[in-house]
Amino acid sequence: MGFLASGNGSSAEAIVDAIGAGELDAEARLLVSNKKDCAAFAWAAEKGVPFLCIPTVADPGGADARLAEALADAGVELIVLSGYLRRLGPQTLGRFAGRILNIHPGPLPRFGGEGMYGARVHQAVISAGVPESAIVVHGVDEIYDHGPELARRSVPVLPGDTAASLEARVKALEPGFFVETLRRVASGELRV
């Protein structure tokens, strides 16, 4: 498995921990970030996961080529996005088509798309007045939050919820749900 993160990569860390505990039949091969000060690099170093920074702003096409090559060279077969806030380029998407997963903190497709991440998603859910939010693991394609849904877990919107309180509940559930979904993939119950 390869992991892409822009921040702390909490779901990626939970997956690496599950692998280390023998709870998930996989190997953590590489963590890549677009930010040189990525907080996830600290836990990756502690856990022995190779990591690499590939900045994307100055040369998106070159970064895409380097990312696809680095993941392939590491033997990555499945990519997990864990708070990676960049759109993937055509080389990475093409080389790993059907083998890239993301977790989204709200019901898709209604609360997804470009710019819909973090507190923005939770505020939109609350503003819409829906009774529940969701955590969605989905395939990744060239459109933000568009790929096929693999698994979903409902999260109730409680009376008096704010974007911050809903976000805290969703964030607490995301890592475990991602690990659970990957176990189902590894067992053959779910197909990517």
C-alpha atoms as a PDB file:
ATOM      1  CA  MET A   1       0.000   0.000   0.000  1.00  0.00           C
ATOM      2  CA  GLY A   2       1.001   3.577  -0.636  1.00  0.00           C
ATOM      3  CA  PHE A   3      -0.351   6.579   1.225  1.00  0.00           C
ATOM      4  CA  LEU A   4      -0.821  10.215   0.215  1.00  0.00           C
ATOM      5  CA  ALA A   5      -1.302  12.841   2.917  1.00  0.00           C
ATOM      6  CA  SER A   6      -1.080  16.615   3.214  1.00  0.00           C
ATOM      7  CA  GLY A   7      -1.476  16.815   7.003  1.00  0.00           C
ATOM      8  CA  ASN A   8      -1.367  14.332   9.859  1.00  0.00           C
ATOM      9  CA  GLY A   9      -2.636  11.367   7.817  1.00  0.00           C
ATOM     10  CA  SER A  10      -4.571   9.893  10.756  1.00  0.00           C
ATOM     11  CA  SER A  11      -6.341   7.259   8.652  1.00  0.00           C
ATOM     12  CA  ALA A  12      -3.047   6.244   7.037  1.00  0.00           C
ATOM     13  CA  GLU A  13      -1.449   5.927  10.477  1.00  0.00           C
ATOM     14  CA  ALA A  14      -4.324   3.754  11.714  1.00  0.00           C
ATOM     15  CA  ILE A  15      -3.926   1.533   8.643  1.00  0.00           C
ATOM     16  CA  VAL A  16      -0.159   1.230   9.206  1.00  0.00           C
ATOM     17  CA  ASP A  17      -0.836   0.360  12.871  1.00  0.00           C
ATOM     18  CA  ALA A  18      -3.347  -2.323  11.819  1.00  0.00           C
ATOM     19  CA  ILE A  19      -0.757  -3.778   9.429  1.00  0.00           C
ATOM     20  CA  GLY A  20       1.866  -3.774  12.189  1.00  0.00           C
ATOM     21  CA  ALA A  21      -0.526  -5.500  14.601  1.00  0.00           C
ATOM     22  CA  GLY A  22      -1.275  -8.234  12.066  1.00  0.00           C
ATOM     23  CA  GLU A  23      -4.893  -7.066  11.739  1.00  0.00           C
ATOM     24  CA  LEU A  24      -4.615  -6.189   8.050  1.00  0.00           C
ATOM     25  CA  ASP A  25      -2.825  -8.345   5.492  1.00  0.00           C
ATOM     26  CA  ALA A  26      -0.852  -5.675   3.648  1.00  0.00           C
ATOM     27  CA  GLU A  27       2.505  -3.905   3.529  1.00  0.00           C
ATOM     28  CA  ALA A  28       3.047  -0.175   3.979  1.00  0.00           C
ATOM     29  CA  ARG A  29       5.465   0.687   1.169  1.00  0.00           C
ATOM     30  CA  LEU A  30       5.525   4.505   0.910  1.00  0.00           C
ATOM     31  CA  LEU A  31       3.987   7.709   2.264  1.00  0.00           C
ATOM     32  CA  VAL A  32       4.059  10.726  -0.056  1.00  0.00           C
ATOM     33  CA  SER A  33       3.075  14.308   0.729  1.00  0.00           C
ATOM     34  CA  ASN A  34       2.928  17.469  -1.315  1.00  0.00           C
ATOM     35  CA  LYS A  35       4.124  19.419   1.768  1.00  0.00           C
ATOM     36  CA  LYS A  36       7.697  19.259   3.077  1.00  0.00           C
ATOM     37  CA  ASP A  37       6.519  19.885   6.657  1.00  0.00           C
ATOM     38  CA  CYS A  38       3.818  17.211   6.542  1.00  0.00           C
ATOM     39  CA  ALA A  39       2.972  16.100  10.091  1.00  0.00           C
ATOM     40  CA  ALA A  40       2.542  12.492   8.902  1.00  0.00           C
ATOM     41  CA  PHE A  41       6.282  12.247   8.230  1.00  0.00           C
ATOM     42  CA  ALA A  42       6.906  12.089  12.006  1.00  0.00           C
ATOM     43  CA  TRP A  43       4.853   8.946  12.577  1.00  0.00           C
ATOM     44  CA  ALA A  44       6.096   7.418   9.316  1.00  0.00           C
ATOM     45  CA  ALA A  45       9.693   7.773  10.526  1.00  0.00           C
ATOM     46  CA  GLU A  46       8.798   6.229  13.900  1.00  0.00           C
ATOM     47  CA  LYS A  47       7.014   3.292  12.264  1.00  0.00           C
ATOM     48  CA  GLY A  48       9.647   2.660   9.583  1.00  0.00           C
ATOM     49  CA  VAL A  49       7.484   3.671   6.617  1.00  0.00           C
ATOM     50  CA  PRO A  50       9.537   5.283   3.836  1.00  0.00           C
ATOM     51  CA  PHE A  51       8.330   8.803   3.040  1.00  0.00           C
ATOM     52  CA  LEU A  52       8.865  11.346   0.333  1.00  0.00           C
ATOM     53  CA  CYS A  53       7.845  14.934  -0.431  1.00  0.00           C
ATOM     54  CA  ILE A  54       6.781  15.729  -3.984  1.00  0.00           C
ATOM     55  CA  PRO A  55       5.712  19.398  -4.217  1.00  0.00           C
ATOM     56  CA  THR A  56       2.955  19.937  -6.763  1.00  0.00           C
ATOM     57  CA  VAL A  57       2.438  23.688  -7.143  1.00  0.00           C
ATOM     58  CA  ALA A  58       5.387  24.734  -9.335  1.00  0.00           C
ATOM     59  CA  ASP A  59       5.211  21.827 -11.798  1.00  0.00           C
ATOM     60  CA  PRO A  60       2.001  19.761 -11.503  1.00  0.00           C
ATOM     61  CA  GLY A  61       2.794  17.627 -14.558  1.00  0.00           C
ATOM     62  CA  GLY A  62       6.309  16.821 -13.378  1.00  0.00           C
ATOM     63  CA  ALA A  63       5.018  16.092  -9.888  1.00  0.00           C
ATOM     64  CA  ASP A  64       2.426  13.714 -11.326  1.00  0.00           C
ATOM     65  CA  ALA A  65       5.133  11.816 -13.227  1.00  0.00           C
ATOM     66  CA  ARG A  66       7.378  11.644 -10.131  1.00  0.00           C
ATOM     67  CA  LEU A  67       4.479  10.471  -7.954  1.00  0.00           C
ATOM     68  CA  ALA A  68       3.452   7.696 -10.354  1.00  0.00           C
ATOM     69  CA  GLU A  69       7.060   6.551 -10.681  1.00  0.00           C
ATOM     70  CA  ALA A  70       7.798   6.664  -6.933  1.00  0.00           C
ATOM     71  CA  LEU A  71       4.699   4.626  -6.087  1.00  0.00           C
ATOM     72  CA  ALA A  72       5.424   2.081  -8.812  1.00  0.00           C
ATOM     73  CA  ASP A  73       9.107   1.814  -7.799  1.00  0.00           C
ATOM     74  CA  ALA A  74       8.007   1.124  -4.200  1.00  0.00           C
ATOM     75  CA  GLY A  75       5.813  -1.753  -5.399  1.00  0.00           C
ATOM     76  CA  VAL A  76       2.581  -0.060  -4.414  1.00  0.00           C
ATOM     77  CA  GLU A  77      -0.541  -1.867  -5.613  1.00  0.00           C
ATOM     78  CA  LEU A  78      -3.214   0.144  -3.772  1.00  0.00           C
ATOM     79  CA  ILE A  79      -3.098   3.857  -2.914  1.00  0.00           C
ATOM     80  CA  VAL A  80      -4.901   5.342   0.088  1.00  0.00           C
ATOM     81  CA  LEU A  81      -5.563   9.080   0.234  1.00  0.00           C
ATOM     82  CA  SER A  82      -5.538  10.313   3.825  1.00  0.00           C
ATOM     83  CA  GLY A  83      -6.253  14.012   3.746  1.00  0.00           C
ATOM     84  CA  TYR A  84      -4.352  14.561   0.506  1.00  0.00           C
ATOM     85  CA  LEU A  85      -5.562  17.951  -0.693  1.00  0.00           C
ATOM     86  CA  ARG A  86      -4.348  17.849  -4.285  1.00  0.00           C
ATOM     87  CA  ARG A  87      -6.015  16.539  -7.408  1.00  0.00           C
ATOM     88  CA  LEU A  88      -4.172  13.533  -8.830  1.00  0.00           C
ATOM     89  CA  GLY A  89      -2.779  13.863 -12.330  1.00  0.00           C
ATOM     90  CA  PRO A  90      -3.402  11.672 -15.375  1.00  0.00           C
ATOM     91  CA  GLN A  91      -0.204   9.615 -15.054  1.00  0.00           C
ATOM     92  CA  THR A  92      -0.924   8.541 -11.483  1.00  0.00           C
ATOM     93  CA  LEU A  93      -4.625   8.023 -12.215  1.00  0.00           C
ATOM     94  CA  GLY A  94      -3.823   6.014 -15.341  1.00  0.00           C
ATOM     95  CA  ARG A  95      -1.118   3.852 -13.814  1.00  0.00           C
ATOM     96  CA  PHE A  96      -3.205   3.052 -10.727  1.00  0.00           C
ATOM     97  CA  ALA A  97      -6.701   3.129 -12.260  1.00  0.00           C
ATOM     98  CA  GLY A  98      -9.228   1.415 -10.008  1.00  0.00           C
ATOM     99  CA  ARG A  99      -6.656   1.094  -7.220  1.00  0.00           C
ATOM    100  CA  ILE A 100      -6.888   4.475  -5.469  1.00  0.00           C
ATOM    101  CA  LEU A 101      -9.156   4.984  -2.450  1.00  0.00           C
ATOM    102  CA  ASN A 102     -10.174   8.102  -0.552  1.00  0.00           C
ATOM    103  CA  ILE A 103     -12.226   8.703   2.571  1.00  0.00           C
ATOM    104  CA  HIS A 104     -14.683  11.599   2.539  1.00  0.00           C
ATOM    105  CA  PRO A 105     -16.251  13.094   5.705  1.00  0.00           C
ATOM    106  CA  GLY A 106     -19.764  13.563   4.352  1.00  0.00           C
ATOM    107  CA  PRO A 107     -22.462  11.995   2.195  1.00  0.00           C
ATOM    108  CA  LEU A 108     -21.558  11.822  -1.466  1.00  0.00           C
ATOM    109  CA  PRO A 109     -22.278  13.084  -4.011  1.00  0.00           C
ATOM    110  CA  ARG A 110     -24.304  15.863  -2.372  1.00  0.00           C
ATOM    111  CA  PHE A 111     -21.575  17.090  -0.016  1.00  0.00           C
ATOM    112  CA  GLY A 112     -18.503  16.514  -2.144  1.00  0.00           C
ATOM    113  CA  GLY A 113     -16.588  18.139  -4.942  1.00  0.00           C
ATOM    114  CA  GLU A 114     -13.875  20.739  -5.269  1.00  0.00           C
ATOM    115  CA  GLY A 115     -13.412  22.771  -2.097  1.00  0.00           C
ATOM    116  CA  MET A 116     -15.537  20.409  -0.005  1.00  0.00           C
ATOM    117  CA  TYR A 117     -13.216  19.200   2.741  1.00  0.00           C
ATOM    118  CA  GLY A 118     -12.909  19.537   6.503  1.00  0.00           C
ATOM    119  CA  ALA A 119     -15.222  21.955   8.291  1.00  0.00           C
ATOM    120  CA  ARG A 120     -16.785  23.070   4.997  1.00  0.00           C
ATOM    121  CA  VAL A 121     -18.383  19.645   4.549  1.00  0.00           C
ATOM    122  CA  HIS A 122     -19.749  19.550   8.090  1.00  0.00           C
ATOM    123  CA  GLN A 123     -21.122  23.088   7.893  1.00  0.00           C
ATOM    124  CA  ALA A 124     -22.854  22.254   4.600  1.00  0.00           C
ATOM    125  CA  VAL A 125     -24.412  19.126   6.146  1.00  0.00           C
ATOM    126  CA  ILE A 126     -25.714  21.099   9.141  1.00  0.00           C
ATOM    127  CA  SER A 127     -26.947  23.970   6.950  1.00  0.00           C
ATOM    128  CA  ALA A 128     -28.868  21.489   4.782  1.00  0.00           C
ATOM    129  CA  GLY A 129     -30.751  20.233   7.830  1.00  0.00           C
ATOM    130  CA  VAL A 130     -30.244  16.561   7.005  1.00  0.00           C
ATOM    131  CA  PRO A 131     -30.635  14.080   9.884  1.00  0.00           C
ATOM    132  CA  GLU A 132     -27.375  12.274   9.218  1.00  0.00           C
ATOM    133  CA  SER A 133     -23.970  12.690   7.721  1.00  0.00           C
ATOM    134  CA  ALA A 134     -21.741   9.870   6.531  1.00  0.00           C
ATOM    135  CA  ILE A 135     -18.195   8.691   6.083  1.00  0.00           C
ATOM    136  CA  VAL A 136     -17.625   7.366   2.566  1.00  0.00           C
ATOM    137  CA  VAL A 137     -14.724   5.322   1.220  1.00  0.00           C
ATOM    138  CA  HIS A 138     -14.712   5.690  -2.550  1.00  0.00           C
ATOM    139  CA  GLY A 139     -12.603   5.138  -5.617  1.00  0.00           C
ATOM    140  CA  VAL A 140     -10.680   8.091  -7.008  1.00  0.00           C
ATOM    141  CA  ASP A 141     -10.874   9.392 -10.548  1.00  0.00           C
ATOM    142  CA  GLU A 142     -10.122  12.728 -12.223  1.00  0.00           C
ATOM    143  CA  ILE A 143     -13.089  14.506 -10.570  1.00  0.00           C
ATOM    144  CA  TYR A 144     -13.055  15.378  -6.857  1.00  0.00           C
ATOM    145  CA  ASP A 145     -15.149  12.946  -4.762  1.00  0.00           C
ATOM    146  CA  HIS A 146     -16.624  11.354  -7.860  1.00  0.00           C
ATOM    147  CA  GLY A 147     -15.386   7.754  -8.012  1.00  0.00           C
ATOM    148  CA  PRO A 148     -17.534   4.744  -7.126  1.00  0.00           C
ATOM    149  CA  GLU A 149     -18.590   4.326  -3.510  1.00  0.00           C
ATOM    150  CA  LEU A 150     -17.075   1.294  -1.798  1.00  0.00           C
ATOM    151  CA  ALA A 151     -18.431   1.641   1.748  1.00  0.00           C
ATOM    152  CA  ARG A 152     -20.453   4.103   3.830  1.00  0.00           C
ATOM    153  CA  ARG A 153     -21.037   4.591   7.549  1.00  0.00           C
ATOM    154  CA  SER A 154     -23.812   6.877   8.761  1.00  0.00           C
ATOM    155  CA  VAL A 155     -23.094   9.480  11.423  1.00  0.00           C
ATOM    156  CA  PRO A 156     -26.151  11.121  13.020  1.00  0.00           C
ATOM    157  CA  VAL A 157     -26.452  14.888  13.134  1.00  0.00           C
ATOM    158  CA  LEU A 158     -27.388  15.624  16.743  1.00  0.00           C
ATOM    159  CA  PRO A 159     -29.523  18.514  18.001  1.00  0.00           C
ATOM    160  CA  GLY A 160     -27.266  21.489  18.666  1.00  0.00           C
ATOM    161  CA  ASP A 161     -24.435  20.132  16.514  1.00  0.00           C
ATOM    162  CA  THR A 162     -21.973  22.651  15.159  1.00  0.00           C
ATOM    163  CA  ALA A 163     -19.551  22.073  12.299  1.00  0.00           C
ATOM    164  CA  ALA A 164     -16.845  21.535  14.930  1.00  0.00           C
ATOM    165  CA  SER A 165     -18.785  18.985  16.990  1.00  0.00           C
ATOM    166  CA  LEU A 166     -19.883  17.000  13.932  1.00  0.00           C
ATOM    167  CA  GLU A 167     -16.351  17.119  12.540  1.00  0.00           C
ATOM    168  CA  ALA A 168     -14.953  15.769  15.824  1.00  0.00           C
ATOM    169  CA  ARG A 169     -17.328  12.785  15.792  1.00  0.00           C
ATOM    170  CA  VAL A 170     -16.661  12.027  12.125  1.00  0.00           C
ATOM    171  CA  LYS A 171     -12.863  12.341  12.521  1.00  0.00           C
ATOM    172  CA  ALA A 172     -12.943   9.954  15.480  1.00  0.00           C
ATOM    173  CA  LEU A 173     -14.655   7.292  13.346  1.00  0.00           C
ATOM    174  CA  GLU A 174     -12.768   7.696  10.057  1.00  0.00           C
ATOM    175  CA  PRO A 175      -9.536   5.791  10.784  1.00  0.00           C
ATOM    176  CA  GLY A 176     -11.254   2.690  12.146  1.00  0.00           C
ATOM    177  CA  PHE A 177     -13.778   2.695   9.326  1.00  0.00           C
ATOM    178  CA  PHE A 178     -11.020   2.909   6.707  1.00  0.00           C
ATOM    179  CA  VAL A 179      -9.196  -0.033   8.337  1.00  0.00           C
ATOM    180  CA  GLU A 180     -12.440  -2.028   8.493  1.00  0.00           C
ATOM    181  CA  THR A 181     -13.153  -1.314   4.812  1.00  0.00           C
ATOM    182  CA  LEU A 182      -9.633  -2.367   3.797  1.00  0.00           C
ATOM    183  CA  ARG A 183     -10.021  -5.619   5.769  1.00  0.00           C
ATOM    184  CA  ARG A 184     -13.161  -6.300   3.748  1.00  0.00           C
ATOM    185  CA  VAL A 185     -11.206  -5.594   0.556  1.00  0.00           C
ATOM    186  CA  ALA A 186      -8.351  -7.888   1.651  1.00  0.00           C
ATOM    187  CA  SER A 187     -10.806 -10.698   2.477  1.00  0.00           C
ATOM    188  CA  GLY A 188     -12.471 -10.403  -0.929  1.00  0.00           C
ATOM    189  CA  GLU A 189     -15.797  -9.254   0.526  1.00  0.00           C
ATOM    190  CA  LEU A 190     -15.434  -5.902  -1.258  1.00  0.00           C
ATOM    191  CA  ARG A 191     -13.913  -5.375  -4.689  1.00  0.00           C
ATOM    192  CA  VAL A 192     -11.989  -2.240  -5.572  1.00  0.00           C
END
